Amino acid sequence: MEKEQYFIVRCNSAGVFFGKIKDRRGGEVDMENVRKVWYWSGAAAVEQLALDGVKNPGACKITVEVPEMTVLEAIQIIPCSDIATESIRNVALWKM
């Protein structure tokens, strides 16, 4: 995997994550520069999110960035296009 490549990783019960993949062991994925995508607007599904990014960034809820984490039960791993990566990275941090 290319070091600068960002991915959308959808987990069985933990949700959707955006970040770089450091390592993978089956459904266990070590990620870097990770944000949880709690809610997005302007893409019909994670596949479109990875290709087109978000169209309504002000309506999205994407968390702060965590330097690294391991996600379990990954059921979809989709490389993000450059357009999607820029779009998602520019969504304001969702935090309380």
PDB file of N, CA and C in Angstrom:
ATOM      1  N   MET A   1       0.831  -1.191   0.000  1.00  0.00           N
ATOM      2  CA  MET A   1       0.000   0.000   0.000  1.00  0.00           C
ATOM      3  C   MET A   1       0.873   1.252   0.000  1.00  0.00           C
ATOM      4  N   GLU A   2       0.476   2.208  -0.808  1.00  0.00           N
ATOM      5  CA  GLU A   2       1.210   3.462  -0.895  1.00  0.00           C
ATOM      6  C   GLU A   2       1.073   4.223   0.419  1.00  0.00           C
ATOM      7  N   LYS A   3       2.182   4.724   0.932  1.00  0.00           N
ATOM      8  CA  LYS A   3       2.224   5.374   2.248  1.00  0.00           C
ATOM      9  C   LYS A   3       1.280   6.576   2.365  1.00  0.00           C
ATOM     10  N   GLU A   4       1.126   7.369   1.314  1.00  0.00           N
ATOM     11  CA  GLU A   4       0.294   8.566   1.390  1.00  0.00           C
ATOM     12  C   GLU A   4      -1.163   8.309   0.996  1.00  0.00           C
ATOM     13  N   GLN A   5      -1.483   7.096   0.631  1.00  0.00           N
ATOM     14  CA  GLN A   5      -2.847   6.748   0.212  1.00  0.00           C
ATOM     15  C   GLN A   5      -3.789   6.751   1.412  1.00  0.00           C
ATOM     16  N   TYR A   6      -4.928   7.400   1.262  1.00  0.00           N
ATOM     17  CA  TYR A   6      -5.982   7.362   2.275  1.00  0.00           C
ATOM     18  C   TYR A   6      -7.040   6.357   1.851  1.00  0.00           C
ATOM     19  N   PHE A   7      -7.726   5.795   2.841  1.00  0.00           N
ATOM     20  CA  PHE A   7      -8.741   4.773   2.610  1.00  0.00           C
ATOM     21  C   PHE A   7      -9.988   5.071   3.427  1.00  0.00           C
ATOM     22  N   ILE A   8     -11.104   4.568   2.963  1.00  0.00           N
ATOM     23  CA  ILE A   8     -12.323   4.450   3.756  1.00  0.00           C
ATOM     24  C   ILE A   8     -12.366   2.999   4.209  1.00  0.00           C
ATOM     25  N   VAL A   9     -12.478   2.800   5.518  1.00  0.00           N
ATOM     26  CA  VAL A   9     -12.580   1.448   6.080  1.00  0.00           C
ATOM     27  C   VAL A   9     -13.905   1.365   6.821  1.00  0.00           C
ATOM     28  N   ARG A  10     -14.777   0.471   6.362  1.00  0.00           N
ATOM     29  CA  ARG A  10     -16.065   0.264   7.030  1.00  0.00           C
ATOM     30  C   ARG A  10     -15.968  -0.998   7.853  1.00  0.00           C
ATOM     31  N   CYS A  11     -16.277  -0.863   9.131  1.00  0.00           N
ATOM     32  CA  CYS A  11     -16.213  -2.002  10.054  1.00  0.00           C
ATOM     33  C   CYS A  11     -17.618  -2.528  10.328  1.00  0.00           C
ATOM     34  N   ASN A  12     -17.685  -3.765  10.702  1.00  0.00           N
ATOM     35  CA  ASN A  12     -18.964  -4.426  10.924  1.00  0.00           C
ATOM     36  C   ASN A  12     -19.834  -3.694  11.932  1.00  0.00           C
ATOM     37  N   SER A  13     -19.283  -3.329  13.078  1.00  0.00           N
ATOM     38  CA  SER A  13     -20.121  -2.678  14.089  1.00  0.00           C
ATOM     39  C   SER A  13     -19.529  -1.380  14.634  1.00  0.00           C
ATOM     40  N   ALA A  14     -18.333  -1.001  14.203  1.00  0.00           N
ATOM     41  CA  ALA A  14     -17.685   0.198  14.750  1.00  0.00           C
ATOM     42  C   ALA A  14     -17.876   1.435  13.895  1.00  0.00           C
ATOM     43  N   GLY A  15     -18.351   1.272  12.670  1.00  0.00           N
ATOM     44  CA  GLY A  15     -18.586   2.433  11.832  1.00  0.00           C
ATOM     45  C   GLY A  15     -17.618   2.559  10.681  1.00  0.00           C
ATOM     46  N   VAL A  16     -17.460   3.796  10.206  1.00  0.00           N
ATOM     47  CA  VAL A  16     -16.661   4.100   9.026  1.00  0.00           C
ATOM     48  C   VAL A  16     -15.489   4.983   9.442  1.00  0.00           C
ATOM     49  N   PHE A  17     -14.306   4.652   8.924  1.00  0.00           N
ATOM     50  CA  PHE A  17     -13.093   5.378   9.266  1.00  0.00           C
ATOM     51  C   PHE A  17     -12.378   5.836   8.007  1.00  0.00           C
ATOM     52  N   PHE A  18     -11.699   6.981   8.107  1.00  0.00           N
ATOM     53  CA  PHE A  18     -10.932   7.564   7.016  1.00  0.00           C
ATOM     54  C   PHE A  18      -9.507   7.741   7.514  1.00  0.00           C
ATOM     55  N   GLY A  19      -8.543   7.185   6.814  1.00  0.00           N
ATOM     56  CA  GLY A  19      -7.150   7.344   7.214  1.00  0.00           C
ATOM     57  C   GLY A  19      -6.233   6.500   6.357  1.00  0.00           C
ATOM     58  N   LYS A  20      -4.975   6.468   6.772  1.00  0.00           N
ATOM     59  CA  LYS A  20      -3.959   5.674   6.072  1.00  0.00           C
ATOM     60  C   LYS A  20      -3.880   4.293   6.712  1.00  0.00           C
ATOM     61  N   ILE A  21      -3.596   3.288   5.925  1.00  0.00           N
ATOM     62  CA  ILE A  21      -3.444   1.927   6.445  1.00  0.00           C
ATOM     63  C   ILE A  21      -1.970   1.631   6.633  1.00  0.00           C
ATOM     64  N   LYS A  22      -1.642   1.254   7.849  1.00  0.00           N
ATOM     65  CA  LYS A  22      -0.262   0.911   8.208  1.00  0.00           C
ATOM     66  C   LYS A  22      -0.015  -0.585   8.021  1.00  0.00           C
ATOM     67  N   ASP A  23      -1.017  -1.401   8.426  1.00  0.00           N
ATOM     68  CA  ASP A  23      -0.884  -2.852   8.340  1.00  0.00           C
ATOM     69  C   ASP A  23      -2.281  -3.466   8.382  1.00  0.00           C
ATOM     70  N   ARG A  24      -2.371  -4.686   7.877  1.00  0.00           N
ATOM     71  CA  ARG A  24      -3.648  -5.393   7.892  1.00  0.00           C
ATOM     72  C   ARG A  24      -3.410  -6.866   8.155  1.00  0.00           C
ATOM     73  N   ARG A  25      -4.242  -7.427   9.033  1.00  0.00           N
ATOM     74  CA  ARG A  25      -4.236  -8.849   9.355  1.00  0.00           C
ATOM     75  C   ARG A  25      -5.687  -9.321   9.295  1.00  0.00           C
ATOM     76  N   GLY A  26      -6.096  -9.747   8.111  1.00  0.00           N
ATOM     77  CA  GLY A  26      -7.490 -10.127   7.936  1.00  0.00           C
ATOM     78  C   GLY A  26      -8.384  -8.927   8.155  1.00  0.00           C
ATOM     79  N   GLY A  27      -9.335  -9.040   9.082  1.00  0.00           N
ATOM     80  CA  GLY A  27     -10.253  -7.958   9.381  1.00  0.00           C
ATOM     81  C   GLY A  27      -9.728  -6.950  10.378  1.00  0.00           C
ATOM     82  N   GLU A  28      -8.502  -7.130  10.840  1.00  0.00           N
ATOM     83  CA  GLU A  28      -7.879  -6.208  11.787  1.00  0.00           C
ATOM     84  C   GLU A  28      -6.971  -5.262  11.007  1.00  0.00           C
ATOM     85  N   VAL A  29      -7.235  -3.961  11.104  1.00  0.00           N
ATOM     86  CA  VAL A  29      -6.513  -2.980  10.299  1.00  0.00           C
ATOM     87  C   VAL A  29      -5.890  -1.927  11.210  1.00  0.00           C
ATOM     88  N   ASP A  30      -4.561  -1.784  11.130  1.00  0.00           N
ATOM     89  CA  ASP A  30      -3.853  -0.725  11.842  1.00  0.00           C
ATOM     90  C   ASP A  30      -3.852   0.497  10.945  1.00  0.00           C
ATOM     91  N   MET A  31      -4.334   1.621  11.490  1.00  0.00           N
ATOM     92  CA  MET A  31      -4.474   2.843  10.706  1.00  0.00           C
ATOM     93  C   MET A  31      -3.720   3.997  11.355  1.00  0.00           C
ATOM     94  N   GLU A  32      -3.382   4.981  10.526  1.00  0.00           N
ATOM     95  CA  GLU A  32      -2.731   6.208  10.968  1.00  0.00           C
ATOM     96  C   GLU A  32      -3.541   7.403  10.473  1.00  0.00           C
ATOM     97  N   ASN A  33      -3.408   8.526  11.198  1.00  0.00           N
ATOM     98  CA  ASN A  33      -4.102   9.760  10.803  1.00  0.00           C
ATOM     99  C   ASN A  33      -5.573   9.477  10.541  1.00  0.00           C
ATOM    100  N   VAL A  34      -6.237   8.951  11.562  1.00  0.00           N
ATOM    101  CA  VAL A  34      -7.586   8.396  11.418  1.00  0.00           C
ATOM    102  C   VAL A  34      -8.651   9.357  11.931  1.00  0.00           C
ATOM    103  N   ARG A  35      -9.710   9.486  11.139  1.00  0.00           N
ATOM    104  CA  ARG A  35     -10.906  10.208  11.569  1.00  0.00           C
ATOM    105  C   ARG A  35     -12.093   9.281  11.383  1.00  0.00           C
ATOM    106  N   LYS A  36     -12.983   9.268  12.364  1.00  0.00           N
ATOM    107  CA  LYS A  36     -14.220   8.498  12.231  1.00  0.00           C
ATOM    108  C   LYS A  36     -15.238   9.340  11.469  1.00  0.00           C
ATOM    109  N   VAL A  37     -15.840   8.730  10.478  1.00  0.00           N
ATOM    110  CA  VAL A  37     -16.864   9.414   9.685  1.00  0.00           C
ATOM    111  C   VAL A  37     -18.209   9.054  10.304  1.00  0.00           C
ATOM    112  N   TRP A  38     -18.685   9.926  11.178  1.00  0.00           N
ATOM    113  CA  TRP A  38     -19.924   9.667  11.912  1.00  0.00           C
ATOM    114  C   TRP A  38     -21.143   9.890  11.020  1.00  0.00           C
ATOM    115  N   TYR A  39     -21.063  10.951  10.203  1.00  0.00           N
ATOM    116  CA  TYR A  39     -22.162  11.285   9.287  1.00  0.00           C
ATOM    117  C   TYR A  39     -21.563  12.046   8.110  1.00  0.00           C
ATOM    118  N   TRP A  40     -22.003  11.713   6.909  1.00  0.00           N
ATOM    119  CA  TRP A  40     -21.561  12.463   5.737  1.00  0.00           C
ATOM    120  C   TRP A  40     -22.772  12.867   4.911  1.00  0.00           C
ATOM    121  N   SER A  41     -22.567  13.911   4.123  1.00  0.00           N
ATOM    122  CA  SER A  41     -23.632  14.429   3.283  1.00  0.00           C
ATOM    123  C   SER A  41     -23.086  14.664   1.875  1.00  0.00           C
ATOM    124  N   GLY A  42     -23.832  14.205   0.889  1.00  0.00           N
ATOM    125  CA  GLY A  42     -23.433  14.430  -0.485  1.00  0.00           C
ATOM    126  C   GLY A  42     -22.807  13.224  -1.155  1.00  0.00           C
ATOM    127  N   ALA A  43     -22.905  12.068  -0.550  1.00  0.00           N
ATOM    128  CA  ALA A  43     -22.465  10.808  -1.172  1.00  0.00           C
ATOM    129  C   ALA A  43     -23.475   9.749  -0.744  1.00  0.00           C
ATOM    130  N   ALA A  44     -23.871   8.918  -1.689  1.00  0.00           N
ATOM    131  CA  ALA A  44     -24.922   7.938  -1.414  1.00  0.00           C
ATOM    132  C   ALA A  44     -24.454   6.799  -0.505  1.00  0.00           C
ATOM    133  N   ALA A  45     -23.195   6.405  -0.616  1.00  0.00           N
ATOM    134  CA  ALA A  45     -22.668   5.271   0.153  1.00  0.00           C
ATOM    135  C   ALA A  45     -21.157   5.423   0.274  1.00  0.00           C
ATOM    136  N   VAL A  46     -20.518   4.531   1.036  1.00  0.00           N
ATOM    137  CA  VAL A  46     -19.071   4.630   1.247  1.00  0.00           C
ATOM    138  C   VAL A  46     -18.290   4.552  -0.062  1.00  0.00           C
ATOM    139  N   GLU A  47     -18.805   3.834  -1.037  1.00  0.00           N
ATOM    140  CA  GLU A  47     -18.120   3.737  -2.327  1.00  0.00           C
ATOM    141  C   GLU A  47     -18.025   5.109  -2.999  1.00  0.00           C
ATOM    142  N   GLN A  48     -19.128   5.840  -3.002  1.00  0.00           N
ATOM    143  CA  GLN A  48     -19.119   7.182  -3.583  1.00  0.00           C
ATOM    144  C   GLN A  48     -18.307   8.134  -2.713  1.00  0.00           C
ATOM    145  N   LEU A  49     -18.365   7.970  -1.419  1.00  0.00           N
ATOM    146  CA  LEU A  49     -17.565   8.785  -0.505  1.00  0.00           C
ATOM    147  C   LEU A  49     -16.084   8.651  -0.839  1.00  0.00           C
ATOM    148  N   ALA A  50     -15.621   7.435  -1.114  1.00  0.00           N
ATOM    149  CA  ALA A  50     -14.212   7.187  -1.438  1.00  0.00           C
ATOM    150  C   ALA A  50     -13.822   7.736  -2.812  1.00  0.00           C
ATOM    151  N   LEU A  51     -14.771   7.812  -3.723  1.00  0.00           N
ATOM    152  CA  LEU A  51     -14.475   8.305  -5.073  1.00  0.00           C
ATOM    153  C   LEU A  51     -14.670   9.810  -5.220  1.00  0.00           C
ATOM    154  N   ASP A  52     -15.778  10.328  -4.688  1.00  0.00           N
ATOM    155  CA  ASP A  52     -16.148  11.730  -4.901  1.00  0.00           C
ATOM    156  C   ASP A  52     -15.972  12.619  -3.676  1.00  0.00           C
ATOM    157  N   GLY A  53     -15.833  12.027  -2.503  1.00  0.00           N
ATOM    158  CA  GLY A  53     -15.766  12.816  -1.277  1.00  0.00           C
ATOM    159  C   GLY A  53     -17.142  13.317  -0.880  1.00  0.00           C
ATOM    160  N   VAL A  54     -17.163  14.360  -0.064  1.00  0.00           N
ATOM    161  CA  VAL A  54     -18.433  14.919   0.407  1.00  0.00           C
ATOM    162  C   VAL A  54     -18.788  16.137  -0.434  1.00  0.00           C
ATOM    163  N   LYS A  55     -20.064  16.374  -0.610  1.00  0.00           N
ATOM    164  CA  LYS A  55     -20.527  17.533  -1.383  1.00  0.00           C
ATOM    165  C   LYS A  55     -21.078  18.633  -0.479  1.00  0.00           C
ATOM    166  N   ASN A  56     -21.403  18.289   0.754  1.00  0.00           N
ATOM    167  CA  ASN A  56     -21.955  19.250   1.709  1.00  0.00           C
ATOM    168  C   ASN A  56     -21.129  19.205   2.999  1.00  0.00           C
ATOM    169  N   PRO A  57     -19.891  19.720   2.976  1.00  0.00           N
ATOM    170  CA  PRO A  57     -19.000  19.570   4.128  1.00  0.00           C
ATOM    171  C   PRO A  57     -19.543  20.161   5.426  1.00  0.00           C
ATOM    172  N   GLY A  58     -20.350  21.201   5.346  1.00  0.00           N
ATOM    173  CA  GLY A  58     -20.903  21.810   6.550  1.00  0.00           C
ATOM    174  C   GLY A  58     -21.913  20.930   7.270  1.00  0.00           C
ATOM    175  N   ALA A  59     -22.445  19.939   6.574  1.00  0.00           N
ATOM    176  CA  ALA A  59     -23.438  19.037   7.164  1.00  0.00           C
ATOM    177  C   ALA A  59     -22.813  17.733   7.659  1.00  0.00           C
ATOM    178  N   CYS A  60     -21.496  17.572   7.482  1.00  0.00           N
ATOM    179  CA  CYS A  60     -20.827  16.320   7.861  1.00  0.00           C
ATOM    180  C   CYS A  60     -20.371  16.335   9.315  1.00  0.00           C
ATOM    181  N   LYS A  61     -20.273  15.149   9.892  1.00  0.00           N
ATOM    182  CA  LYS A  61     -19.746  14.983  11.242  1.00  0.00           C
ATOM    183  C   LYS A  61     -18.587  13.983  11.150  1.00  0.00           C
ATOM    184  N   ILE A  62     -17.372  14.529  11.127  1.00  0.00           N
ATOM    185  CA  ILE A  62     -16.164  13.719  11.037  1.00  0.00           C
ATOM    186  C   ILE A  62     -15.265  14.146  12.190  1.00  0.00           C
ATOM    187  N   THR A  63     -14.860  13.182  13.012  1.00  0.00           N
ATOM    188  CA  THR A  63     -14.187  13.476  14.274  1.00  0.00           C
ATOM    189  C   THR A  63     -12.790  14.059  14.117  1.00  0.00           C
ATOM    190  N   VAL A  64     -12.200  14.353  15.268  1.00  0.00           N
ATOM    191  CA  VAL A  64     -10.801  14.767  15.324  1.00  0.00           C
ATOM    192  C   VAL A  64      -9.927  13.632  14.799  1.00  0.00           C
ATOM    193  N   GLU A  65      -8.706  13.961  14.442  1.00  0.00           N
ATOM    194  CA  GLU A  65      -7.782  12.963  13.912  1.00  0.00           C
ATOM    195  C   GLU A  65      -7.010  12.290  15.040  1.00  0.00           C
ATOM    196  N   VAL A  66      -6.981  10.969  15.016  1.00  0.00           N
ATOM    197  CA  VAL A  66      -6.231  10.165  15.987  1.00  0.00           C
ATOM    198  C   VAL A  66      -4.943   9.720  15.286  1.00  0.00           C
ATOM    199  N   PRO A  67      -3.774   9.875  15.937  1.00  0.00           N
ATOM    200  CA  PRO A  67      -2.517   9.524  15.267  1.00  0.00           C
ATOM    201  C   PRO A  67      -2.453   8.071  14.785  1.00  0.00           C
ATOM    202  N   GLU A  68      -2.955   7.144  15.588  1.00  0.00           N
ATOM    203  CA  GLU A  68      -3.019   5.750  15.148  1.00  0.00           C
ATOM    204  C   GLU A  68      -4.025   4.970  15.965  1.00  0.00           C
ATOM    205  N   MET A  69      -4.573   3.940  15.350  1.00  0.00           N
ATOM    206  CA  MET A  69      -5.521   3.068  16.030  1.00  0.00           C
ATOM    207  C   MET A  69      -5.680   1.783  15.229  1.00  0.00           C
ATOM    208  N   THR A  70      -6.237   0.770  15.876  1.00  0.00           N
ATOM    209  CA  THR A  70      -6.555  -0.486  15.219  1.00  0.00           C
ATOM    210  C   THR A  70      -8.058  -0.623  15.174  1.00  0.00           C
ATOM    211  N   VAL A  71      -8.582  -0.909  13.990  1.00  0.00           N
ATOM    212  CA  VAL A  71     -10.008  -1.163  13.856  1.00  0.00           C
ATOM    213  C   VAL A  71     -10.199  -2.653  13.586  1.00  0.00           C
ATOM    214  N   LEU A  72     -11.295  -3.185  14.090  1.00  0.00           N
ATOM    215  CA  LEU A  72     -11.573  -4.613  13.966  1.00  0.00           C
ATOM    216  C   LEU A  72     -12.778  -4.849  13.065  1.00  0.00           C
ATOM    217  N   GLU A  73     -12.873  -6.044  12.539  1.00  0.00           N
ATOM    218  CA  GLU A  73     -13.996  -6.474  11.712  1.00  0.00           C
ATOM    219  C   GLU A  73     -14.205  -5.570  10.489  1.00  0.00           C
ATOM    220  N   ALA A  74     -13.107  -5.219   9.811  1.00  0.00           N
ATOM    221  CA  ALA A  74     -13.211  -4.428   8.585  1.00  0.00           C
ATOM    222  C   ALA A  74     -13.903  -5.270   7.515  1.00  0.00           C
ATOM    223  N   ILE A  75     -14.975  -4.731   6.964  1.00  0.00           N
ATOM    224  CA  ILE A  75     -15.706  -5.469   5.927  1.00  0.00           C
ATOM    225  C   ILE A  75     -15.611  -4.789   4.565  1.00  0.00           C
ATOM    226  N   GLN A  76     -15.129  -3.550   4.530  1.00  0.00           N
ATOM    227  CA  GLN A  76     -14.851  -2.865   3.274  1.00  0.00           C
ATOM    228  C   GLN A  76     -13.625  -1.989   3.458  1.00  0.00           C
ATOM    229  N   ILE A  77     -12.711  -2.053   2.500  1.00  0.00           N
ATOM    230  CA  ILE A  77     -11.532  -1.198   2.485  1.00  0.00           C
ATOM    231  C   ILE A  77     -11.444  -0.624   1.076  1.00  0.00           C
ATOM    232  N   ILE A  78     -11.640   0.687   0.964  1.00  0.00           N
ATOM    233  CA  ILE A  78     -11.733   1.326  -0.340  1.00  0.00           C
ATOM    234  C   ILE A  78     -10.700   2.455  -0.422  1.00  0.00           C
ATOM    235  N   PRO A  79      -9.812   2.415  -1.411  1.00  0.00           N
ATOM    236  CA  PRO A  79      -8.869   3.520  -1.578  1.00  0.00           C
ATOM    237  C   PRO A  79      -9.612   4.797  -1.980  1.00  0.00           C
ATOM    238  N   CYS A  80      -9.186   5.912  -1.433  1.00  0.00           N
ATOM    239  CA  CYS A  80      -9.809   7.201  -1.755  1.00  0.00           C
ATOM    240  C   CYS A  80      -9.096   7.858  -2.928  1.00  0.00           C
ATOM    241  N   SER A  81      -9.863   8.486  -3.776  1.00  0.00           N
ATOM    242  CA  SER A  81      -9.291   9.292  -4.855  1.00  0.00           C
ATOM    243  C   SER A  81      -8.667  10.544  -4.239  1.00  0.00           C
ATOM    244  N   ASP A  82      -7.847  11.237  -5.006  1.00  0.00           N
ATOM    245  CA  ASP A  82      -7.264  12.496  -4.526  1.00  0.00           C
ATOM    246  C   ASP A  82      -8.342  13.519  -4.213  1.00  0.00           C
ATOM    247  N   ILE A  83      -9.378  13.569  -5.048  1.00  0.00           N
ATOM    248  CA  ILE A  83     -10.489  14.508  -4.835  1.00  0.00           C
ATOM    249  C   ILE A  83     -11.207  14.200  -3.527  1.00  0.00           C
ATOM    250  N   ALA A  84     -11.489  12.924  -3.280  1.00  0.00           N
ATOM    251  CA  ALA A  84     -12.172  12.525  -2.046  1.00  0.00           C
ATOM    252  C   ALA A  84     -11.308  12.811  -0.830  1.00  0.00           C
ATOM    253  N   THR A  85     -10.017  12.492  -0.926  1.00  0.00           N
ATOM    254  CA  THR A  85      -9.097  12.730   0.197  1.00  0.00           C
ATOM    255  C   THR A  85      -9.088  14.198   0.578  1.00  0.00           C
ATOM    256  N   GLU A  86      -8.940  15.068  -0.391  1.00  0.00           N
ATOM    257  CA  GLU A  86      -8.920  16.505  -0.114  1.00  0.00           C
ATOM    258  C   GLU A  86     -10.254  16.963   0.473  1.00  0.00           C
ATOM    259  N   SER A  87     -11.337  16.491  -0.089  1.00  0.00           N
ATOM    260  CA  SER A  87     -12.670  16.859   0.371  1.00  0.00           C
ATOM    261  C   SER A  87     -12.883  16.471   1.835  1.00  0.00           C
ATOM    262  N   ILE A  88     -12.560  15.229   2.167  1.00  0.00           N
ATOM    263  CA  ILE A  88     -12.780  14.733   3.533  1.00  0.00           C
ATOM    264  C   ILE A  88     -11.825  15.400   4.521  1.00  0.00           C
ATOM    265  N   ARG A  89     -10.572  15.559   4.129  1.00  0.00           N
ATOM    266  CA  ARG A  89      -9.604  16.195   5.023  1.00  0.00           C
ATOM    267  C   ARG A  89      -9.973  17.640   5.339  1.00  0.00           C
ATOM    268  N   ASN A  90     -10.720  18.290   4.439  1.00  0.00           N
ATOM    269  CA  ASN A  90     -11.103  19.683   4.650  1.00  0.00           C
ATOM    270  C   ASN A  90     -12.406  19.866   5.420  1.00  0.00           C
ATOM    271  N   VAL A  91     -13.069  18.782   5.794  1.00  0.00           N
ATOM    272  CA  VAL A  91     -14.268  18.891   6.627  1.00  0.00           C
ATOM    273  C   VAL A  91     -13.839  19.309   8.022  1.00  0.00           C
ATOM    274  N   ALA A  92     -14.504  20.317   8.569  1.00  0.00           N
ATOM    275  CA  ALA A  92     -14.199  20.801   9.914  1.00  0.00           C
ATOM    276  C   ALA A  92     -14.312  19.670  10.935  1.00  0.00           C
ATOM    277  N   LEU A  93     -13.453  19.709  11.943  1.00  0.00           N
ATOM    278  CA  LEU A  93     -13.468  18.688  12.993  1.00  0.00           C
ATOM    279  C   LEU A  93     -14.786  18.750  13.750  1.00  0.00           C
ATOM    280  N   TRP A  94     -15.387  17.588  13.940  1.00  0.00           N
ATOM    281  CA  TRP A  94     -16.610  17.484  14.723  1.00  0.00           C
ATOM    282  C   TRP A  94     -16.219  17.089  16.131  1.00  0.00           C
ATOM    283  N   LYS A  95     -16.445  18.007  17.077  1.00  0.00           N
ATOM    284  CA  LYS A  95     -16.120  17.714  18.468  1.00  0.00           C
ATOM    285  C   LYS A  95     -16.966  18.587  19.376  1.00  0.00           C
ATOM    286  N   MET A  96     -17.030  18.204  20.617  1.00  0.00           N
ATOM    287  CA  MET A  96     -17.817  18.954  21.605  1.00  0.00           C
ATOM    288  C   MET A  96     -16.926  19.908  22.354  1.00  0.00           C
TER     289      MET A  96
END
